[in-house]
Amino acid sequence: MTRLYLFAEGQTEQTFANIVLAPHLANHGVYLQPAVLIAHARKRGRVHRGGGRNYQVMKKDICNFLKQEKSADVYFTTMLDLYALAPEFPNLTESEKLRHLPIERVAFLEVAFAADVADRRFIPYLQLHEYEAYLFSEPKWFAFYYETHEKQIAELIAICNQYESPEFINDGPHTAPSKRIIELFPDYDDAKPAQGSGIAELIGLNAIRQKCHHFSEWVSRLEALGNVDSIND
């Protein structure tokens, strides 16, 4: 049996992992443990979780789990935003030369992250550019929470149509996916965990994967973990 730990940037990713990813992966023989909010600070011996903006604290948190769970059939992954990564993140400065190639850039950073943690069971995943990109896969589902906001939903659809993939919606401080959503739906800012995961559940994992290829490749890697034992046998 393959078990998987997932370190989430925030409550939205945490809820999405628990209600959408977990049952899907279980069908592939991969059993996702309840998602863990990544540590961002340690004060007076207490770990503060959520955010992932302090790389060294985040890395230590992951490594502590790796030390506690030493079995070969236990794996670890992340759901962290490429948007606003901690400045000390491995090779972040070097990745700037790839800013115009977002897929190559995020892959470059994931390789650096994996090398820094240095455990074959660790499968890093950075979201392009943040979780809310997934919600642009089918913006019509915002109507479930905002049924009288046809104009705003049409604007989300228009934004989505400008990009080859929702993952390419850029990471500017005012134009990142979440910033665009909040501009049109201010209530979303306080309702992210419930609405962000709820809308993704309505869209469906398959529809998100069809539009968000980097995300889909990560899910495929996680699905394949269910076959690791049989391959090793």
Foldseek 3Di string as FASTA:
>chain_A
DAEEEEAEQALQVQLLCVPAVQVVLVVLQYHYDRYHFFFDDADPNDTDGHHQQHPVSRLVRVLVVCVVDVDPRYAYEYEAFQFNHHPPQFCPVVLVVCLVPVVVSQVVSQVRNCVVSPDPRYRYDYQLGHLLLLCLLQLVLVCVVVVPQPVLSVVSPVLCVVDQASSVQDRDPCGNNVNSNCVSVVVCVVVSNPVVSVSSVVCHPVSSCVRGVSVVVSSVVSSCSSCVVVVVD
